[in-house]
Protein backbone atom coordinates (compact mmCIF):
# COMPACT_ATOMS: atom_id res chain seq x y z
CA MET A 1 34.90 38.35 12.75
CA VAL A 2 32.64 40.16 15.24
CA ASN A 3 33.34 37.52 17.86
CA LEU A 4 37.11 37.69 17.22
CA VAL A 5 37.02 41.43 17.81
CA ALA A 6 35.03 40.84 21.02
CA MET A 7 37.66 38.31 22.20
CA TRP A 8 40.41 40.88 21.63
CA ARG A 9 38.52 43.81 23.27
CA PHE A 10 37.18 41.92 26.28
CA PRO A 11 39.83 39.37 27.36
CA GLU A 12 38.22 38.92 30.80
CA ALA A 13 35.06 37.61 29.06
CA GLU A 14 36.65 35.97 26.02
CA THR A 15 34.99 32.59 26.74
CA ILE A 16 31.61 33.79 25.47
CA PRO A 17 32.67 35.15 22.04
CA PHE A 18 35.14 32.24 21.69
CA HIS A 19 32.31 29.69 21.88
CA PHE A 20 30.10 31.81 19.63
CA VAL A 21 32.83 31.59 16.99
CA TRP A 22 32.51 27.80 16.96
CA ILE A 23 28.71 27.92 17.16
CA SER A 24 28.59 30.21 14.13
CA ILE A 25 30.90 28.05 12.03
CA ALA A 26 28.87 24.96 13.01
CA LEU A 27 25.66 26.72 11.92
CA VAL A 28 27.16 27.77 8.58
CA PHE A 29 28.53 24.28 8.00
CA GLY A 30 25.08 22.83 8.66
CA VAL A 31 23.43 25.02 6.00
CA ASN A 32 25.56 23.80 3.09
CA SER A 33 27.74 20.80 2.43
CA TRP A 34 31.29 22.17 2.15
CA PRO A 35 33.98 20.53 0.06
CA LEU A 36 36.58 18.85 2.25
CA ALA A 37 39.34 21.29 1.28
CA GLY A 38 37.18 24.31 2.01
CA MET A 39 36.07 22.89 5.35
CA LEU A 40 39.66 22.18 6.43
CA THR A 41 40.73 25.68 5.33
CA ALA A 42 37.96 27.31 7.37
CA LEU A 43 38.73 25.11 10.36
CA GLY A 44 42.44 25.99 10.16
CA ALA A 45 41.67 29.72 9.92
CA VAL A 46 39.32 29.67 12.94
CA THR A 47 41.74 27.53 14.99
CA ALA A 48 44.71 29.78 14.14
CA THR A 49 42.98 33.10 14.85
CA THR A 50 41.31 32.06 18.10
CA GLY A 51 44.47 30.24 19.21
CA PHE A 52 46.64 33.30 18.49
CA LEU A 53 44.38 35.60 20.49
CA MET A 54 44.18 33.25 23.47
CA LEU A 55 47.95 32.61 23.49
CA ASP A 56 48.58 36.36 23.33
CA GLN A 57 46.21 36.97 26.25
CA ALA A 58 47.78 34.12 28.24
CA THR A 59 51.27 35.52 27.59
CA ARG A 60 50.18 38.93 28.92
CA GLY A 61 48.64 37.25 31.95
CA GLU A 62 45.07 38.21 31.10
CA ILE A 63 43.93 34.55 31.09
CA ARG A 64 45.39 31.32 32.35
CA PHE A 65 47.42 29.15 29.98
CA GLU A 66 45.20 26.12 30.57
CA GLU A 67 42.32 27.99 28.95
CA THR A 68 44.16 27.80 25.64
CA THR A 69 43.50 24.04 25.57
CA GLU A 70 39.94 24.84 24.57
CA VAL A 71 41.14 25.68 21.07
CA PRO A 72 42.28 22.15 20.04
CA LEU A 73 39.38 20.62 22.00
CA MET A 74 36.79 22.69 20.11
CA ALA A 75 38.54 21.86 16.82
CA ALA A 76 38.30 18.16 17.69
CA VAL A 77 34.59 18.50 18.56
CA PHE A 78 34.02 20.25 15.22
CA LEU A 79 35.84 17.48 13.34
CA VAL A 80 33.66 14.84 15.03
CA MET A 81 30.56 16.81 14.04
CA VAL A 82 31.82 17.05 10.47
CA TRP A 83 32.45 13.29 10.39
CA HIS A 84 28.86 12.58 11.51
CA VAL A 85 27.34 15.14 9.13
CA ARG A 86 29.26 13.82 6.13
CA GLY A 87 28.28 10.26 7.07
CA ARG A 88 24.64 11.30 7.25
CA GLN A 89 24.93 13.04 3.89
CA ARG A 90 26.39 9.89 2.33
CA ALA A 91 23.54 7.85 3.79
CA LEU A 92 20.95 10.30 2.42
CA ASP A 93 22.61 10.23 -0.99
CA GLU A 94 22.45 6.44 -0.96
CA LEU A 95 18.78 6.54 0.06
CA ARG A 96 18.03 8.94 -2.79
CA ARG A 97 19.84 6.64 -5.21
CA VAL A 98 17.95 3.58 -3.98
CA ALA A 99 14.64 5.50 -4.08
CA ALA A 100 15.34 6.56 -7.67
CA LEU A 101 16.10 2.95 -8.63
CA GLU A 102 12.90 1.77 -6.92
CA ARG A 103 10.85 4.37 -8.78
CA GLN A 104 12.43 3.32 -12.05
CA ARG A 105 11.84 -0.36 -11.25
CA ALA A 106 8.20 0.31 -10.32
CA GLU A 107 7.63 2.32 -13.49
CA THR A 108 9.22 -0.41 -15.60
CA GLN A 109 7.17 -3.09 -13.87
CA ASP A 110 3.97 -1.10 -14.28
CA LEU A 111 4.69 -0.54 -17.98
CA PHE A 112 5.51 -4.23 -18.46
CA VAL A 113 2.31 -5.39 -16.77
CA ARG A 114 0.12 -2.90 -18.61
CA LEU A 115 1.60 -3.67 -22.03
CA GLY A 116 1.70 -7.39 -21.29
CA SER A 117 -1.90 -7.33 -20.10
CA HIS A 118 -3.04 -5.52 -23.23
CA GLU A 119 -1.19 -7.90 -25.56
CA LEU A 120 -2.35 -10.99 -23.66
CA ARG A 121 -5.97 -9.92 -23.64
CA THR A 122 -5.84 -9.19 -27.35
CA SER A 123 -4.40 -12.63 -28.05
CA ILE A 124 -6.88 -14.28 -25.69
CA THR A 125 -9.80 -12.59 -27.45
CA VAL A 126 -8.56 -13.73 -30.85
CA ALA A 127 -7.89 -17.29 -29.61
CA ARG A 128 -11.32 -17.48 -27.97
CA GLY A 129 -12.98 -16.40 -31.20
CA TYR A 130 -11.22 -19.10 -33.21
CA VAL A 131 -12.05 -21.77 -30.61
CA GLU A 132 -15.72 -20.77 -30.80
CA LEU A 133 -15.55 -21.04 -34.59
CA ILE A 134 -14.02 -24.52 -34.37
CA ARG A 135 -16.62 -25.52 -31.80
CA SER A 136 -19.51 -24.35 -33.96
CA ALA A 137 -18.08 -25.98 -37.11
CA HIS A 138 -17.84 -29.47 -35.57
CA GLU A 139 -20.80 -31.22 -34.02
CA ASP A 140 -18.98 -34.23 -32.55
CA GLN A 141 -18.90 -34.46 -28.76
CA GLN A 142 -15.12 -34.83 -28.43
CA THR A 143 -14.43 -31.58 -30.28
CA ASP A 144 -17.04 -29.81 -28.16
CA GLU A 145 -15.44 -31.07 -24.94
CA ASP A 146 -11.92 -30.17 -26.09
CA ALA A 147 -13.03 -26.69 -27.12
CA GLY A 148 -14.73 -26.25 -23.73
CA ILE A 149 -11.47 -27.10 -21.95
CA VAL A 150 -9.56 -24.58 -24.08
CA LEU A 151 -12.16 -21.89 -23.38
CA ASP A 152 -11.96 -22.58 -19.65
CA GLU A 153 -8.18 -22.21 -19.70
CA LEU A 154 -8.43 -19.01 -21.71
CA GLY A 155 -10.92 -17.71 -19.18
CA LYS A 156 -8.50 -18.43 -16.33
CA LEU A 157 -5.71 -16.67 -18.20
CA ASP A 158 -7.96 -13.67 -18.81
CA ARG A 159 -8.87 -13.44 -15.10
CA LEU A 160 -5.21 -13.75 -14.11
CA THR A 161 -4.26 -10.94 -16.49
CA GLY A 162 -7.03 -8.73 -15.14
CA GLY A 163 -6.00 -9.47 -11.55
CA LEU A 164 -2.38 -8.53 -12.18
CA THR A 165 -3.42 -5.27 -13.81
CA THR A 166 -5.70 -4.44 -10.89
CA LEU A 167 -2.93 -5.11 -8.36
CA MET A 168 -0.56 -2.81 -10.23
CA ARG A 169 -3.11 -0.01 -10.30
CA LEU A 170 -3.67 -0.30 -6.54
CA ASP A 171 -0.08 0.88 -5.91
CA SER A 172 -0.70 4.25 -7.54
CA PRO A 173 -2.18 7.29 -5.74
CA VAL A 174 -5.93 7.65 -6.00
CA SER A 175 -8.49 10.36 -5.35
CA THR A 176 -11.72 9.90 -3.42
CA VAL A 177 -15.15 11.38 -4.05
CA PRO A 178 -18.39 11.49 -2.07
CA LEU A 179 -20.28 8.29 -2.90
CA ASP A 180 -23.85 7.20 -2.15
CA PHE A 181 -22.64 3.90 -0.77
CA ASP A 182 -26.03 2.22 -0.32
CA ALA A 183 -27.00 2.67 -3.98
CA PHE A 184 -23.49 1.67 -5.03
CA LEU A 185 -23.61 -1.53 -2.97
CA GLU A 186 -27.06 -2.50 -4.25
CA ARG A 187 -25.99 -2.10 -7.89
CA LEU A 188 -22.80 -4.05 -7.25
CA VAL A 189 -24.53 -7.03 -5.62
CA ARG A 190 -27.34 -7.05 -8.19
CA ARG A 191 -24.73 -7.54 -10.95
CA TRP A 192 -23.73 -10.88 -9.42
CA ILE A 193 -27.22 -12.34 -8.90
CA PRO A 194 -27.54 -13.85 -12.42
CA VAL A 195 -24.06 -15.35 -12.16
CA ALA A 196 -24.85 -17.93 -9.48
CA ASP A 197 -27.98 -19.50 -7.99
CA ARG A 198 -27.54 -18.36 -4.40
CA GLN A 199 -29.73 -16.95 -1.67
CA TRP A 200 -28.61 -13.32 -1.94
CA SER A 201 -29.27 -10.53 0.54
CA CYS A 202 -27.94 -6.99 0.82
CA GLU A 203 -28.47 -4.57 3.71
CA SER A 204 -26.89 -1.14 4.17
CA GLY A 205 -27.50 2.13 5.99
CA VAL A 206 -24.17 3.85 5.44
CA GLY A 207 -25.23 6.86 3.38
CA THR A 208 -22.50 9.02 1.81
CA VAL A 209 -18.82 8.12 2.19
CA LEU A 210 -15.51 9.24 0.76
CA ALA A 211 -14.27 6.48 -1.53
CA ASN A 212 -12.88 5.59 -4.92
CA PRO A 213 -15.67 3.63 -6.67
CA GLU A 214 -13.33 1.75 -9.01
CA ARG A 215 -11.10 0.36 -6.26
CA LEU A 216 -13.97 -0.32 -3.91
CA GLN A 217 -15.73 -2.27 -6.66
CA ALA A 218 -12.53 -4.24 -7.37
CA ALA A 219 -12.35 -5.28 -3.71
CA MET A 220 -16.04 -6.16 -3.46
CA ASP A 221 -16.07 -8.06 -6.76
CA SER A 222 -13.14 -10.15 -5.54
CA LEU A 223 -14.94 -10.96 -2.27
CA LEU A 224 -18.20 -11.88 -4.01
CA GLU A 225 -16.41 -13.98 -6.62
CA ASN A 226 -14.62 -15.78 -3.79
CA ALA A 227 -17.93 -16.37 -1.98
CA ILE A 228 -19.52 -17.80 -5.12
CA ALA A 229 -16.56 -20.06 -5.84
CA PHE A 230 -16.73 -21.73 -2.44
CA THR A 231 -20.49 -22.11 -2.04
CA GLN A 232 -23.04 -24.36 -3.72
CA ASN A 233 -26.37 -23.74 -5.41
CA GLY A 234 -28.85 -22.53 -2.82
CA ASP A 235 -26.26 -21.42 -0.25
CA ARG A 236 -26.56 -17.97 1.32
CA ILE A 237 -24.38 -14.97 0.50
CA ALA A 238 -25.22 -11.95 2.67
CA VAL A 239 -23.73 -8.48 2.23
CA ARG A 240 -24.16 -5.97 5.05
CA ALA A 241 -22.73 -2.48 5.63
CA TRP A 242 -22.92 -0.12 8.58
CA THR A 243 -21.15 2.89 10.08
CA ALA A 244 -19.05 2.88 13.24
CA PRO A 245 -16.14 5.15 14.23
CA PRO A 246 -13.84 5.91 12.59
CA GLY A 247 -15.55 5.01 9.31
CA PHE A 248 -17.75 2.38 7.71
CA HIS A 249 -17.68 -1.42 7.61
CA ILE A 250 -18.69 -3.96 4.97
CA GLU A 251 -19.38 -7.63 5.73
CA VAL A 252 -19.63 -10.45 3.19
CA ALA A 253 -20.80 -13.72 4.77
CA ASP A 254 -21.45 -17.06 3.10
CA THR A 255 -22.58 -20.51 4.21
CA GLY A 256 -20.04 -22.39 2.12
CA ARG A 257 -17.26 -24.77 3.06
CA GLY A 258 -15.34 -22.28 5.14
CA ILE A 259 -11.57 -21.98 5.49
CA ALA A 260 -9.18 -24.35 7.21
CA GLU A 261 -7.59 -22.90 10.35
CA ASP A 262 -4.07 -23.29 8.96
CA ASP A 263 -5.00 -21.17 5.93
CA LEU A 264 -6.53 -18.22 7.78
CA ALA A 265 -3.15 -16.55 8.34
CA HIS A 266 -2.21 -16.80 4.65
CA ILE A 267 -5.36 -16.25 2.58
CA PHE A 268 -4.56 -12.59 1.82
CA GLU A 269 -1.11 -13.41 0.47
CA GLN A 270 -0.66 -13.42 -3.29
CA SER A 271 0.80 -16.92 -3.14
CA TRP A 272 -2.36 -18.38 -1.55
CA SER A 273 -4.57 -19.74 -4.31
CA THR A 274 -6.95 -22.25 -2.76
CA ARG A 275 -8.69 -23.05 0.46
CA HIS A 276 -7.34 -26.10 2.18
CA GLY A 277 -8.11 -29.20 0.20
CA ASP A 278 -9.76 -27.38 -2.72
CA ALA A 279 -8.85 -28.45 -6.22
CA HIS A 280 -10.68 -25.72 -8.09
CA GLY A 281 -8.93 -22.60 -6.83
CA GLY A 282 -8.55 -19.46 -8.85
CA THR A 283 -5.52 -17.30 -9.50
CA GLY A 284 -4.87 -16.50 -5.84
CA LEU A 285 -5.01 -12.76 -6.59
CA GLY A 286 -8.60 -12.05 -5.51
CA LEU A 287 -8.07 -11.72 -1.76
CA ALA A 288 -4.70 -10.05 -2.33
CA ILE A 289 -6.56 -7.41 -4.35
CA VAL A 290 -9.03 -6.98 -1.48
CA ARG A 291 -6.28 -6.39 1.06
CA ALA A 292 -4.32 -4.03 -1.21
CA ALA A 293 -7.39 -1.95 -2.04
CA VAL A 294 -8.50 -1.62 1.60
CA GLU A 295 -5.03 -0.94 3.03
CA ALA A 296 -4.37 1.69 0.34
CA ARG A 297 -7.41 3.50 1.81
CA GLY A 298 -6.00 3.18 5.35
CA GLY A 299 -8.36 0.38 6.34
CA LYS A 300 -8.06 -3.28 7.23
CA VAL A 301 -9.68 -6.57 6.29
CA SER A 302 -10.40 -9.51 8.61
CA VAL A 303 -11.99 -12.94 8.29
CA VAL A 304 -13.76 -15.33 10.62
CA SER A 305 -14.29 -18.89 9.44
CA SER A 306 -14.12 -22.56 10.22
CA PRO A 307 -14.46 -25.63 7.99
CA GLY A 308 -18.07 -26.37 7.14
CA ALA A 309 -19.37 -23.17 8.75
CA GLY A 310 -18.85 -20.66 5.95
CA ALA A 311 -16.72 -17.53 6.03
CA THR A 312 -17.32 -13.91 7.01
CA PHE A 313 -15.05 -11.20 5.60
CA THR A 314 -15.17 -7.70 7.09
CA LEU A 315 -13.73 -4.58 5.50
CA SER A 316 -13.17 -1.63 7.87
CA ILE A 317 -12.54 1.63 6.02
CA PRO A 318 -11.92 4.98 7.79
CA ASP A 319 -12.96 8.52 6.87
CA ALA A 320 -16.67 8.45 6.31
CA VAL A 321 -17.96 11.90 5.37
CA PRO A 322 -18.55 13.82 8.65
CA ASP A 323 -22.17 14.77 9.34
CA ALA A 324 -23.35 13.00 6.18
CA PRO A 325 -26.99 11.85 6.21
CA ARG A 326 -27.32 8.31 7.57
CA ARG A 327 -30.04 5.77 7.06
CA ALA A 328 -31.18 2.96 9.25
CA GLY A 329 -29.98 -0.44 8.07
CA THR A 330 -32.25 -1.19 5.13
CA SER A 331 -32.72 -4.44 3.24
CA LEU A 332 -31.85 -3.42 -0.30
CA LEU A 333 -32.49 -6.78 -1.96
CA THR A 334 -33.25 -10.39 -1.12
CA THR A 335 -33.41 -13.38 -3.49
CA GLN A 336 -34.30 -17.01 -3.10
CA PRO A 337 -32.55 -19.86 -4.95
CA LYS A 338 -34.31 -21.47 -7.87
CA PRO A 339 -36.16 -24.68 -7.00
CA SER A 340 -33.68 -27.43 -7.72
CA THR A 341 -32.32 -30.60 -6.23
CA ASP A 342 -28.94 -30.03 -7.82
CA ARG A 343 -26.50 -28.91 -5.10
CA ALA A 344 -23.39 -29.31 -7.24
CA ALA A 345 -20.69 -26.76 -6.61
CA THR A 346 -20.42 -23.99 -9.14
CA THR A 347 -17.52 -21.70 -9.83
CA THR A 348 -17.09 -18.54 -11.86
């Protein structure tokens, strides 16, 4: 209304308030989404009032008649703007709908996996108990072998269930806390020493980092389990950690069979379950868990390997605690394999 009055009072400078009329209506339209009828009513009112004033001024000779063509041109520009804005609003509404469906799907999937995991593990525990009872009640070799096969299969099912649950949890937000990484890494590696007869070593000088212990342990356990599965008694498994901008790095190296070149590009996919030519692969979730845990922290995982030369996995994780006390790389533990001539492959 102010600009309409200015157009009427100052016909020699009507161009300025005329354009401010359209600027103001465009600004108001951008604040709220108008119903179509209301928008057309406002557009008609603005077009009629500005057109009437300009035609009146042209009739009195205060402006040229060709200047009145600005009225339909500005109305057309406004309609084009409205068309784009309404299209964008429809797109945003569709994105919100899809996002809501994705959240609902993720929640349903998470609930399904959690409930399914709980029920499966309960059933597995009960079944394992009964198999052990049958095994202890019969002393013949055939029953013992059959029960051993059943227990192995139940163990695989239990690991698969645990892996699926871990993957689901990695999708949820997580908090980080300051962590004495060197002590954490030593405890973690020491847990695995009784599991397999390997030449273990652990070296770290990282100090304090920001991390989530549960997820970091899930990633490291998966790497160490993988290293054990593809090495033999007496082989070396070395864990090393150090700091380098922008964070800290963890390396797990083994002297096992290594990975075929064709498999290197796929080993972190959930569908990859064995190294090339291996017939004793696990669930295929271990390395997928490693990648998910590290990438959720903003890091990356890489591998260097060749057949017969072992494999070296490196986790690079950003955001070490600034100015935290550092230590020189220290050998935290070293073990030697038990004297034995048996070099048969072992798996966990």
